[in-house]
Amino acid sequence: MAIATTRRDFDKSKFFAGIARGIAGALLFALPMLMTMEMWELGVYMDRSRLLLLLLVNIPLLIILSDRVGFEETSTWRQAIRDASIAYALGIVSSTLILVAMGVIKQDQSAHEIIGMIALQAVPASIGAMLGRSQLGGQSDDDDDKDDDDDDPVHERETSYAGELFLMAVGALFLNLNVAPTEEMILLSYKMTPWHALIIIAASLAVMHSFVYALSFKGSHDLAEGTPSWHAFVRFTLPGYLIAGLISAYCLWTFHRTDDIGSTQILMAVVILSFPGAIGAAAARLIL
């Protein structure tokens, strides 16, 4: 009985430590957006159907992500949904407290404005809360024992090809949320020429591939012996860049950055936003 009680207490302490890391992650990853004026304004005037769609998209994203980096190891969808709900709640609470503390939310504002600002900010904050375990969590005792037994690093959970693509989508979305709401995306789309666009595309592909395969970052991937060098580029980098481009187009549409501008400017905006999106996609493969 004493052993069982100790085990439950240990599990609870791990869970609450995960909650604390979730709050820290929400602040660490979402604070730039919480202090961005365009995000405040978007929460007030953006189309509510687009905001609702973003909120709905975030739910399955958090559920799937929780299976990878949740507050604790999950073995069922019910546990994953629980972790996703907690992350969303932490995102809402953290966003509300920060916006109130900074004077962005005031008593004389309408419920429509307040709810819009909190709902929009809760999306990146909830993703940050979920990533808090991955980036701020320490090794467990079991992991320490494994390290003592051999010189190999802590074993990571195997990720399928579809899982790798999903992680790239999460990384692209999270980084795009930082810059897609800004006016600079539209300004740059008017300044760029087709030659600039080609250079940005080439740079995005080169940086994305180098992050994962060439620069020996922690978590980088090694090609299997006998695998040609172009295999990873075709199998991961190109699809990852396409995903970053689709995520970029979606973010620009969601934040009304494609309204009332020509198709050429939209394409240019997608290309320029895909640059940070590609970096976020590559980084996600390294750290998640």
C-alpha atoms as a PDB file:
ATOM      1  CA  MET A   1       0.000   0.000   0.000  1.00  0.00           C
ATOM      2  CA  ALA A   2       2.798   2.388   0.889  1.00  0.00           C
ATOM      3  CA  ILE A   3       4.549   1.637  -2.396  1.00  0.00           C
ATOM      4  CA  ALA A   4       1.338   2.295  -4.342  1.00  0.00           C
ATOM      5  CA  THR A   5       0.789   5.593  -2.513  1.00  0.00           C
ATOM      6  CA  THR A   6       4.349   6.666  -3.204  1.00  0.00           C
ATOM      7  CA  ARG A   7       3.907   5.779  -6.857  1.00  0.00           C
ATOM      8  CA  ARG A   8       0.733   7.873  -7.116  1.00  0.00           C
ATOM      9  CA  ASP A   9       2.425  10.799  -5.386  1.00  0.00           C
ATOM     10  CA  PHE A  10       5.349  10.528  -7.809  1.00  0.00           C
ATOM     11  CA  ASP A  11       2.993  10.478 -10.794  1.00  0.00           C
ATOM     12  CA  LYS A  12       1.154  13.527  -9.457  1.00  0.00           C
ATOM     13  CA  SER A  13       4.391  15.410  -8.905  1.00  0.00           C
ATOM     14  CA  LYS A  14       5.464  14.622 -12.469  1.00  0.00           C
ATOM     15  CA  PHE A  15       2.093  15.792 -13.794  1.00  0.00           C
ATOM     16  CA  PHE A  16       2.153  19.085 -11.889  1.00  0.00           C
ATOM     17  CA  ALA A  17       5.762  19.622 -12.925  1.00  0.00           C
ATOM     18  CA  GLY A  18       4.520  19.214 -16.486  1.00  0.00           C
ATOM     19  CA  ILE A  19       1.819  21.822 -15.823  1.00  0.00           C
ATOM     20  CA  ALA A  20       4.427  24.251 -14.528  1.00  0.00           C
ATOM     21  CA  ARG A  21       6.578  23.647 -17.607  1.00  0.00           C
ATOM     22  CA  GLY A  22       3.469  24.162 -19.745  1.00  0.00           C
ATOM     23  CA  ILE A  23       2.899  27.612 -18.236  1.00  0.00           C
ATOM     24  CA  ALA A  24       6.555  28.458 -18.729  1.00  0.00           C
ATOM     25  CA  GLY A  25       6.373  27.210 -22.319  1.00  0.00           C
ATOM     26  CA  ALA A  26       3.268  29.293 -23.029  1.00  0.00           C
ATOM     27  CA  LEU A  27       5.070  32.421 -21.844  1.00  0.00           C
ATOM     28  CA  LEU A  28       8.381  31.602 -23.502  1.00  0.00           C
ATOM     29  CA  PHE A  29       7.007  30.737 -26.931  1.00  0.00           C
ATOM     30  CA  ALA A  30       3.993  33.060 -27.115  1.00  0.00           C
ATOM     31  CA  LEU A  31       5.260  36.230 -25.432  1.00  0.00           C
ATOM     32  CA  PRO A  32       6.432  37.854 -28.713  1.00  0.00           C
ATOM     33  CA  MET A  33       2.885  37.496 -30.088  1.00  0.00           C
ATOM     34  CA  LEU A  34       1.316  38.653 -26.831  1.00  0.00           C
ATOM     35  CA  MET A  35       3.317  41.880 -27.201  1.00  0.00           C
ATOM     36  CA  THR A  36       2.552  42.429 -30.898  1.00  0.00           C
ATOM     37  CA  MET A  37       0.072  45.194 -31.724  1.00  0.00           C
ATOM     38  CA  GLU A  38      -1.145  43.516 -34.924  1.00  0.00           C
ATOM     39  CA  MET A  39      -2.248  40.483 -32.916  1.00  0.00           C
ATOM     40  CA  TRP A  40      -4.263  42.691 -30.566  1.00  0.00           C
ATOM     41  CA  GLU A  41      -5.962  44.412 -33.492  1.00  0.00           C
ATOM     42  CA  LEU A  42      -6.662  41.147 -35.298  1.00  0.00           C
ATOM     43  CA  GLY A  43      -8.403  39.807 -32.227  1.00  0.00           C
ATOM     44  CA  VAL A  44     -10.785  42.753 -32.482  1.00  0.00           C
ATOM     45  CA  TYR A  45     -11.614  42.962 -36.193  1.00  0.00           C
ATOM     46  CA  MET A  46     -10.719  39.644 -37.867  1.00  0.00           C
ATOM     47  CA  ASP A  47     -13.534  37.644 -39.395  1.00  0.00           C
ATOM     48  CA  ARG A  48     -15.001  35.367 -36.718  1.00  0.00           C
ATOM     49  CA  SER A  49     -15.410  32.440 -39.111  1.00  0.00           C
ATOM     50  CA  ARG A  50     -11.662  32.509 -39.829  1.00  0.00           C
ATOM     51  CA  LEU A  51     -10.885  32.782 -36.129  1.00  0.00           C
ATOM     52  CA  LEU A  52     -13.211  29.861 -35.372  1.00  0.00           C
ATOM     53  CA  LEU A  53     -11.544  27.766 -38.070  1.00  0.00           C
ATOM     54  CA  LEU A  54      -8.111  28.502 -36.564  1.00  0.00           C
ATOM     55  CA  LEU A  55      -9.372  27.472 -33.129  1.00  0.00           C
ATOM     56  CA  LEU A  56     -10.830  24.251 -34.519  1.00  0.00           C
ATOM     57  CA  VAL A  57      -7.633  23.437 -36.441  1.00  0.00           C
ATOM     58  CA  ASN A  58      -5.652  23.880 -33.242  1.00  0.00           C
ATOM     59  CA  ILE A  59      -7.603  21.161 -31.408  1.00  0.00           C
ATOM     60  CA  PRO A  60      -6.513  18.080 -33.428  1.00  0.00           C
ATOM     61  CA  LEU A  61      -3.052  19.639 -33.744  1.00  0.00           C
ATOM     62  CA  LEU A  62      -2.716  19.709 -29.947  1.00  0.00           C
ATOM     63  CA  ILE A  63      -4.155  16.219 -29.562  1.00  0.00           C
ATOM     64  CA  ILE A  64      -1.671  14.682 -31.997  1.00  0.00           C
ATOM     65  CA  LEU A  65       1.179  16.765 -30.619  1.00  0.00           C
ATOM     66  CA  SER A  66       0.385  15.670 -27.069  1.00  0.00           C
ATOM     67  CA  ASP A  67       1.045  12.067 -28.053  1.00  0.00           C
ATOM     68  CA  ARG A  68       4.578  13.171 -28.927  1.00  0.00           C
ATOM     69  CA  VAL A  69       5.420  15.776 -26.275  1.00  0.00           C
ATOM     70  CA  GLY A  70       2.511  15.825 -23.826  1.00  0.00           C
ATOM     71  CA  PHE A  71       2.723  16.656 -20.137  1.00  0.00           C
ATOM     72  CA  GLU A  72       3.336  12.975 -19.468  1.00  0.00           C
ATOM     73  CA  GLU A  73       3.624   9.815 -21.536  1.00  0.00           C
ATOM     74  CA  THR A  74       0.280   9.014 -23.152  1.00  0.00           C
ATOM     75  CA  SER A  75      -0.882   5.571 -24.255  1.00  0.00           C
ATOM     76  CA  THR A  76      -4.513   6.297 -25.230  1.00  0.00           C
ATOM     77  CA  TRP A  77      -6.351   8.975 -27.175  1.00  0.00           C
ATOM     78  CA  ARG A  78      -8.268   9.835 -24.016  1.00  0.00           C
ATOM     79  CA  GLN A  79      -5.008  10.815 -22.300  1.00  0.00           C
ATOM     80  CA  ALA A  80      -3.914  12.769 -25.374  1.00  0.00           C
ATOM     81  CA  ILE A  81      -7.219  14.679 -25.412  1.00  0.00           C
ATOM     82  CA  ARG A  82      -6.797  15.411 -21.717  1.00  0.00           C
ATOM     83  CA  ASP A  83      -3.309  16.828 -22.266  1.00  0.00           C
ATOM     84  CA  ALA A  84      -4.520  18.871 -25.232  1.00  0.00           C
ATOM     85  CA  SER A  85      -7.366  20.307 -23.150  1.00  0.00           C
ATOM     86  CA  ILE A  86      -4.950  21.239 -20.386  1.00  0.00           C
ATOM     87  CA  ALA A  87      -2.609  22.910 -22.877  1.00  0.00           C
ATOM     88  CA  TYR A  88      -5.492  24.906 -24.347  1.00  0.00           C
ATOM     89  CA  ALA A  89      -6.634  25.938 -20.871  1.00  0.00           C
ATOM     90  CA  LEU A  90      -3.097  27.029 -19.963  1.00  0.00           C
ATOM     91  CA  GLY A  91      -2.923  29.016 -23.205  1.00  0.00           C
ATOM     92  CA  ILE A  92      -6.183  30.803 -22.407  1.00  0.00           C
ATOM     93  CA  VAL A  93      -5.227  31.569 -18.808  1.00  0.00           C
ATOM     94  CA  SER A  94      -1.693  32.707 -19.667  1.00  0.00           C
ATOM     95  CA  SER A  95      -2.914  34.927 -22.514  1.00  0.00           C
ATOM     96  CA  THR A  96      -5.605  36.488 -20.350  1.00  0.00           C
ATOM     97  CA  LEU A  97      -3.247  37.259 -17.477  1.00  0.00           C
ATOM     98  CA  ILE A  98      -0.557  38.775 -19.701  1.00  0.00           C
ATOM     99  CA  LEU A  99      -2.983  40.884 -21.755  1.00  0.00           C
ATOM    100  CA  VAL A 100      -4.624  42.190 -18.575  1.00  0.00           C
ATOM    101  CA  ALA A 101      -1.264  42.854 -16.903  1.00  0.00           C
ATOM    102  CA  MET A 102      -0.056  44.856 -19.919  1.00  0.00           C
ATOM    103  CA  GLY A 103      -3.227  46.927 -20.069  1.00  0.00           C
ATOM    104  CA  VAL A 104      -4.262  45.584 -23.466  1.00  0.00           C
ATOM    105  CA  ILE A 105      -7.548  44.279 -22.072  1.00  0.00           C
ATOM    106  CA  LYS A 106      -9.543  46.946 -20.242  1.00  0.00           C
ATOM    107  CA  GLN A 107     -12.886  47.053 -18.489  1.00  0.00           C
ATOM    108  CA  ASP A 108     -14.443  49.417 -21.030  1.00  0.00           C
ATOM    109  CA  GLN A 109     -13.879  47.001 -23.934  1.00  0.00           C
ATOM    110  CA  SER A 110     -16.720  44.909 -25.291  1.00  0.00           C
ATOM    111  CA  ALA A 111     -16.933  41.167 -24.728  1.00  0.00           C
ATOM    112  CA  HIS A 112     -16.549  40.726 -28.500  1.00  0.00           C
ATOM    113  CA  GLU A 113     -13.137  42.422 -28.441  1.00  0.00           C
ATOM    114  CA  ILE A 114     -11.889  40.730 -25.272  1.00  0.00           C
ATOM    115  CA  ILE A 115     -12.907  37.224 -26.331  1.00  0.00           C
ATOM    116  CA  GLY A 116     -11.411  37.744 -29.784  1.00  0.00           C
ATOM    117  CA  MET A 117      -8.023  38.845 -28.441  1.00  0.00           C
ATOM    118  CA  ILE A 118      -7.813  36.032 -25.902  1.00  0.00           C
ATOM    119  CA  ALA A 119      -8.982  33.370 -28.365  1.00  0.00           C
ATOM    120  CA  LEU A 120      -6.419  34.401 -30.980  1.00  0.00           C
ATOM    121  CA  GLN A 121      -3.525  34.592 -28.523  1.00  0.00           C
ATOM    122  CA  ALA A 122      -4.506  31.276 -26.945  1.00  0.00           C
ATOM    123  CA  VAL A 123      -3.572  29.391 -30.130  1.00  0.00           C
ATOM    124  CA  PRO A 124       0.208  30.053 -30.054  1.00  0.00           C
ATOM    125  CA  ALA A 125       0.168  30.025 -26.253  1.00  0.00           C
ATOM    126  CA  SER A 126      -1.405  26.554 -26.169  1.00  0.00           C
ATOM    127  CA  ILE A 127       1.182  25.239 -28.637  1.00  0.00           C
ATOM    128  CA  GLY A 128       3.883  26.802 -26.457  1.00  0.00           C
ATOM    129  CA  ALA A 129       2.386  25.139 -23.393  1.00  0.00           C
ATOM    130  CA  MET A 130       2.537  21.760 -25.137  1.00  0.00           C
ATOM    131  CA  LEU A 131       6.115  22.352 -26.285  1.00  0.00           C
ATOM    132  CA  GLY A 132       7.127  23.283 -22.738  1.00  0.00           C
ATOM    133  CA  ARG A 133       7.549  19.633 -21.783  1.00  0.00           C
ATOM    134  CA  SER A 134       9.744  18.926 -24.776  1.00  0.00           C
ATOM    135  CA  GLN A 135      12.001  21.943 -24.385  1.00  0.00           C
ATOM    136  CA  LEU A 136      11.960  22.591 -20.634  1.00  0.00           C
ATOM    137  CA  GLY A 137      11.609  19.084 -19.242  1.00  0.00           C
ATOM    138  CA  GLY A 138      14.500  17.277 -17.660  1.00  0.00           C
ATOM    139  CA  GLN A 139      15.515  13.672 -18.011  1.00  0.00           C
ATOM    140  CA  SER A 140      13.762  11.113 -15.936  1.00  0.00           C
ATOM    141  CA  ASP A 141      15.464   8.754 -13.544  1.00  0.00           C
ATOM    142  CA  ASP A 142      14.974   5.928 -16.027  1.00  0.00           C
ATOM    143  CA  ASP A 143      16.730   7.954 -18.685  1.00  0.00           C
ATOM    144  CA  ASP A 144      19.598   8.641 -16.294  1.00  0.00           C
ATOM    145  CA  ASP A 145      19.932   4.925 -15.660  1.00  0.00           C
ATOM    146  CA  LYS A 146      20.069   4.253 -19.375  1.00  0.00           C
ATOM    147  CA  ASP A 147      22.784   6.842 -19.763  1.00  0.00           C
ATOM    148  CA  ASP A 148      24.792   5.222 -16.994  1.00  0.00           C
ATOM    149  CA  ASP A 149      24.485   1.802 -18.631  1.00  0.00           C
ATOM    150  CA  ASP A 150      25.828   2.859 -22.011  1.00  0.00           C
ATOM    151  CA  ASP A 151      27.204   5.811 -23.873  1.00  0.00           C
ATOM    152  CA  ASP A 152      24.242   6.149 -26.224  1.00  0.00           C
ATOM    153  CA  PRO A 153      21.996   9.212 -25.904  1.00  0.00           C
ATOM    154  CA  VAL A 154      18.538   8.915 -24.452  1.00  0.00           C
ATOM    155  CA  HIS A 155      16.414   6.938 -26.860  1.00  0.00           C
ATOM    156  CA  GLU A 156      13.860   9.089 -28.674  1.00  0.00           C
ATOM    157  CA  ARG A 157      10.452   7.842 -29.718  1.00  0.00           C
ATOM    158  CA  GLU A 158      10.475   6.598 -33.294  1.00  0.00           C
ATOM    159  CA  THR A 159       8.619   8.885 -35.679  1.00  0.00           C
ATOM    160  CA  SER A 160       6.891   7.682 -38.837  1.00  0.00           C
ATOM    161  CA  TYR A 161       7.152   9.494 -42.151  1.00  0.00           C
ATOM    162  CA  ALA A 162       3.686  10.988 -41.659  1.00  0.00           C
ATOM    163  CA  GLY A 163       4.751  11.987 -38.143  1.00  0.00           C
ATOM    164  CA  GLU A 164       7.795  13.814 -39.515  1.00  0.00           C
ATOM    165  CA  LEU A 165       5.580  15.737 -41.933  1.00  0.00           C
ATOM    166  CA  PHE A 166       3.197  16.581 -39.105  1.00  0.00           C
ATOM    167  CA  LEU A 167       6.022  17.909 -36.944  1.00  0.00           C
ATOM    168  CA  MET A 168       7.181  20.079 -39.837  1.00  0.00           C
ATOM    169  CA  ALA A 169       3.644  21.467 -40.171  1.00  0.00           C
ATOM    170  CA  VAL A 170       3.573  22.328 -36.457  1.00  0.00           C
ATOM    171  CA  GLY A 171       6.945  24.067 -36.641  1.00  0.00           C
ATOM    172  CA  ALA A 172       5.961  26.039 -39.737  1.00  0.00           C
ATOM    173  CA  LEU A 173       2.629  27.079 -38.200  1.00  0.00           C
ATOM    174  CA  PHE A 174       4.160  28.172 -34.917  1.00  0.00           C
ATOM    175  CA  LEU A 175       6.855  30.339 -36.475  1.00  0.00           C
ATOM    176  CA  ASN A 176       4.465  31.738 -39.089  1.00  0.00           C
ATOM    177  CA  LEU A 177       2.100  32.868 -36.346  1.00  0.00           C
ATOM    178  CA  ASN A 178       4.862  35.223 -35.200  1.00  0.00           C
ATOM    179  CA  VAL A 179       5.193  37.122 -38.469  1.00  0.00           C
ATOM    180  CA  ALA A 180       2.110  36.465 -40.641  1.00  0.00           C
ATOM    181  CA  PRO A 181      -0.020  39.109 -38.844  1.00  0.00           C
ATOM    182  CA  THR A 182       2.499  41.896 -39.503  1.00  0.00           C
ATOM    183  CA  GLU A 183       2.190  44.497 -42.260  1.00  0.00           C
ATOM    184  CA  GLU A 184       5.754  43.757 -43.344  1.00  0.00           C
ATOM    185  CA  MET A 185       4.602  40.644 -45.186  1.00  0.00           C
ATOM    186  CA  ILE A 186       2.541  42.771 -47.575  1.00  0.00           C
ATOM    187  CA  LEU A 187       5.233  45.444 -47.831  1.00  0.00           C
ATOM    188  CA  LEU A 188       7.842  42.859 -48.783  1.00  0.00           C
ATOM    189  CA  SER A 189       5.523  41.290 -51.347  1.00  0.00           C
ATOM    190  CA  TYR A 190       5.458  44.610 -53.211  1.00  0.00           C
ATOM    191  CA  LYS A 191       9.201  45.138 -52.937  1.00  0.00           C
ATOM    192  CA  MET A 192      10.205  41.693 -54.218  1.00  0.00           C
ATOM    193  CA  THR A 193      10.798  40.806 -57.851  1.00  0.00           C
ATOM    194  CA  PRO A 194      10.590  37.284 -59.329  1.00  0.00           C
ATOM    195  CA  TRP A 195      14.371  37.050 -59.021  1.00  0.00           C
ATOM    196  CA  HIS A 196      14.140  37.854 -55.314  1.00  0.00           C
ATOM    197  CA  ALA A 197      11.483  35.161 -54.971  1.00  0.00           C
ATOM    198  CA  LEU A 198      13.697  32.540 -56.626  1.00  0.00           C
ATOM    199  CA  ILE A 199      16.582  33.459 -54.324  1.00  0.00           C
ATOM    200  CA  ILE A 200      14.327  33.211 -51.247  1.00  0.00           C
ATOM    201  CA  ILE A 201      13.025  29.797 -52.370  1.00  0.00           C
ATOM    202  CA  ALA A 202      16.559  28.489 -52.932  1.00  0.00           C
ATOM    203  CA  ALA A 203      17.720  29.911 -49.589  1.00  0.00           C
ATOM    204  CA  SER A 204      14.723  28.369 -47.795  1.00  0.00           C
ATOM    205  CA  LEU A 205      15.446  24.913 -49.220  1.00  0.00           C
ATOM    206  CA  ALA A 206      19.172  25.185 -48.478  1.00  0.00           C
ATOM    207  CA  VAL A 207      18.667  26.341 -44.889  1.00  0.00           C
ATOM    208  CA  MET A 208      15.941  23.788 -44.253  1.00  0.00           C
ATOM    209  CA  HIS A 209      18.070  20.889 -45.508  1.00  0.00           C
ATOM    210  CA  SER A 210      21.236  22.098 -43.776  1.00  0.00           C
ATOM    211  CA  PHE A 211      19.520  22.430 -40.409  1.00  0.00           C
ATOM    212  CA  VAL A 212      18.587  18.768 -40.345  1.00  0.00           C
ATOM    213  CA  TYR A 213      21.365  17.030 -42.279  1.00  0.00           C
ATOM    214  CA  ALA A 214      24.470  19.175 -42.700  1.00  0.00           C
ATOM    215  CA  LEU A 215      25.151  21.336 -39.646  1.00  0.00           C
ATOM    216  CA  SER A 216      25.331  18.600 -36.967  1.00  0.00           C
ATOM    217  CA  PHE A 217      22.867  20.270 -34.625  1.00  0.00           C
ATOM    218  CA  LYS A 218      21.629  18.301 -31.631  1.00  0.00           C
ATOM    219  CA  GLY A 219      18.846  16.062 -32.897  1.00  0.00           C
ATOM    220  CA  SER A 220      20.052  16.197 -36.496  1.00  0.00           C
ATOM    221  CA  HIS A 221      19.373  13.212 -38.747  1.00  0.00           C
ATOM    222  CA  ASP A 222      21.980  10.975 -40.335  1.00  0.00           C
ATOM    223  CA  LEU A 223      21.443   9.283 -43.665  1.00  0.00           C
ATOM    224  CA  ALA A 224      21.506   5.491 -43.609  1.00  0.00           C
ATOM    225  CA  GLU A 225      24.604   3.908 -45.075  1.00  0.00           C
ATOM    226  CA  GLY A 226      24.313   3.594 -48.825  1.00  0.00           C
ATOM    227  CA  THR A 227      21.491   6.153 -49.100  1.00  0.00           C
ATOM    228  CA  PRO A 228      22.154   8.764 -51.820  1.00  0.00           C
ATOM    229  CA  SER A 229      22.436  12.342 -50.604  1.00  0.00           C
ATOM    230  CA  TRP A 230      19.509  13.503 -52.733  1.00  0.00           C
ATOM    231  CA  HIS A 231      17.132  10.970 -51.143  1.00  0.00           C
ATOM    232  CA  ALA A 232      16.487  12.997 -47.975  1.00  0.00           C
ATOM    233  CA  PHE A 233      16.145  16.190 -50.007  1.00  0.00           C
ATOM    234  CA  VAL A 234      13.426  14.676 -52.200  1.00  0.00           C
ATOM    235  CA  ARG A 235      11.725  12.705 -49.421  1.00  0.00           C
ATOM    236  CA  PHE A 236      11.755  15.285 -46.611  1.00  0.00           C
ATOM    237  CA  THR A 237      13.041  18.730 -47.591  1.00  0.00           C
ATOM    238  CA  LEU A 238      10.888  19.303 -50.668  1.00  0.00           C
ATOM    239  CA  PRO A 239       7.650  18.008 -49.060  1.00  0.00           C
ATOM    240  CA  GLY A 240       8.505  19.975 -45.931  1.00  0.00           C
ATOM    241  CA  TYR A 241       8.895  23.166 -47.951  1.00  0.00           C
ATOM    242  CA  LEU A 242       5.590  22.507 -49.690  1.00  0.00           C
ATOM    243  CA  ILE A 243       3.938  22.075 -46.304  1.00  0.00           C
ATOM    244  CA  ALA A 244       5.520  25.337 -45.100  1.00  0.00           C
ATOM    245  CA  GLY A 245       4.141  27.068 -48.200  1.00  0.00           C
ATOM    246  CA  LEU A 246       0.621  25.745 -47.613  1.00  0.00           C
ATOM    247  CA  ILE A 247       0.755  26.734 -43.943  1.00  0.00           C
ATOM    248  CA  SER A 248       2.004  30.190 -44.964  1.00  0.00           C
ATOM    249  CA  ALA A 249      -0.862  30.657 -47.425  1.00  0.00           C
ATOM    250  CA  TYR A 250      -3.360  29.577 -44.765  1.00  0.00           C
ATOM    251  CA  CYS A 251      -1.930  31.974 -42.162  1.00  0.00           C
ATOM    252  CA  LEU A 252      -1.961  34.905 -44.595  1.00  0.00           C
ATOM    253  CA  TRP A 253      -5.581  34.176 -45.479  1.00  0.00           C
ATOM    254  CA  THR A 254      -6.581  33.756 -41.839  1.00  0.00           C
ATOM    255  CA  PHE A 255      -5.080  37.118 -40.886  1.00  0.00           C
ATOM    256  CA  HIS A 256      -6.615  38.945 -43.891  1.00  0.00           C
ATOM    257  CA  ARG A 257      -3.214  39.538 -45.494  1.00  0.00           C
ATOM    258  CA  THR A 258      -4.489  38.259 -48.857  1.00  0.00           C
ATOM    259  CA  ASP A 259      -7.526  40.533 -48.960  1.00  0.00           C
ATOM    260  CA  ASP A 260      -7.633  43.176 -51.696  1.00  0.00           C
ATOM    261  CA  ILE A 261      -4.192  42.420 -53.158  1.00  0.00           C
ATOM    262  CA  GLY A 262      -3.263  40.885 -56.498  1.00  0.00           C
ATOM    263  CA  SER A 263      -2.349  37.274 -57.120  1.00  0.00           C
ATOM    264  CA  THR A 264       1.295  38.194 -57.728  1.00  0.00           C
ATOM    265  CA  GLN A 265       1.570  39.905 -54.354  1.00  0.00           C
ATOM    266  CA  ILE A 266      -0.141  36.942 -52.683  1.00  0.00           C
ATOM    267  CA  LEU A 267       2.376  34.566 -54.227  1.00  0.00           C
ATOM    268  CA  MET A 268       5.269  36.803 -53.178  1.00  0.00           C
ATOM    269  CA  ALA A 269       3.882  37.017 -49.628  1.00  0.00           C
ATOM    270  CA  VAL A 270       3.622  33.215 -49.476  1.00  0.00           C
ATOM    271  CA  VAL A 271       7.231  32.874 -50.666  1.00  0.00           C
ATOM    272  CA  ILE A 272       8.602  35.334 -48.116  1.00  0.00           C
ATOM    273  CA  LEU A 273       6.545  33.850 -45.257  1.00  0.00           C
ATOM    274  CA  SER A 274       7.651  30.353 -46.262  1.00  0.00           C
ATOM    275  CA  PHE A 275      11.214  31.304 -45.361  1.00  0.00           C
ATOM    276  CA  PRO A 276      10.570  31.428 -41.585  1.00  0.00           C
ATOM    277  CA  GLY A 277       8.055  28.630 -42.074  1.00  0.00           C
ATOM    278  CA  ALA A 278      10.759  26.404 -43.563  1.00  0.00           C
ATOM    279  CA  ILE A 279      13.102  27.195 -40.679  1.00  0.00           C
ATOM    280  CA  GLY A 280      10.352  26.366 -38.198  1.00  0.00           C
ATOM    281  CA  ALA A 281       9.628  23.106 -39.999  1.00  0.00           C
ATOM    282  CA  ALA A 282      13.271  22.082 -39.920  1.00  0.00           C
ATOM    283  CA  ALA A 283      13.675  23.104 -36.280  1.00  0.00           C
ATOM    284  CA  ALA A 284      10.660  21.008 -35.317  1.00  0.00           C
ATOM    285  CA  ARG A 285      12.361  17.878 -36.663  1.00  0.00           C
ATOM    286  CA  LEU A 286      15.383  18.647 -34.487  1.00  0.00           C
ATOM    287  CA  ILE A 287      13.728  19.459 -31.191  1.00  0.00           C
ATOM    288  CA  LEU A 288      10.455  17.484 -31.104  1.00  0.00           C
END
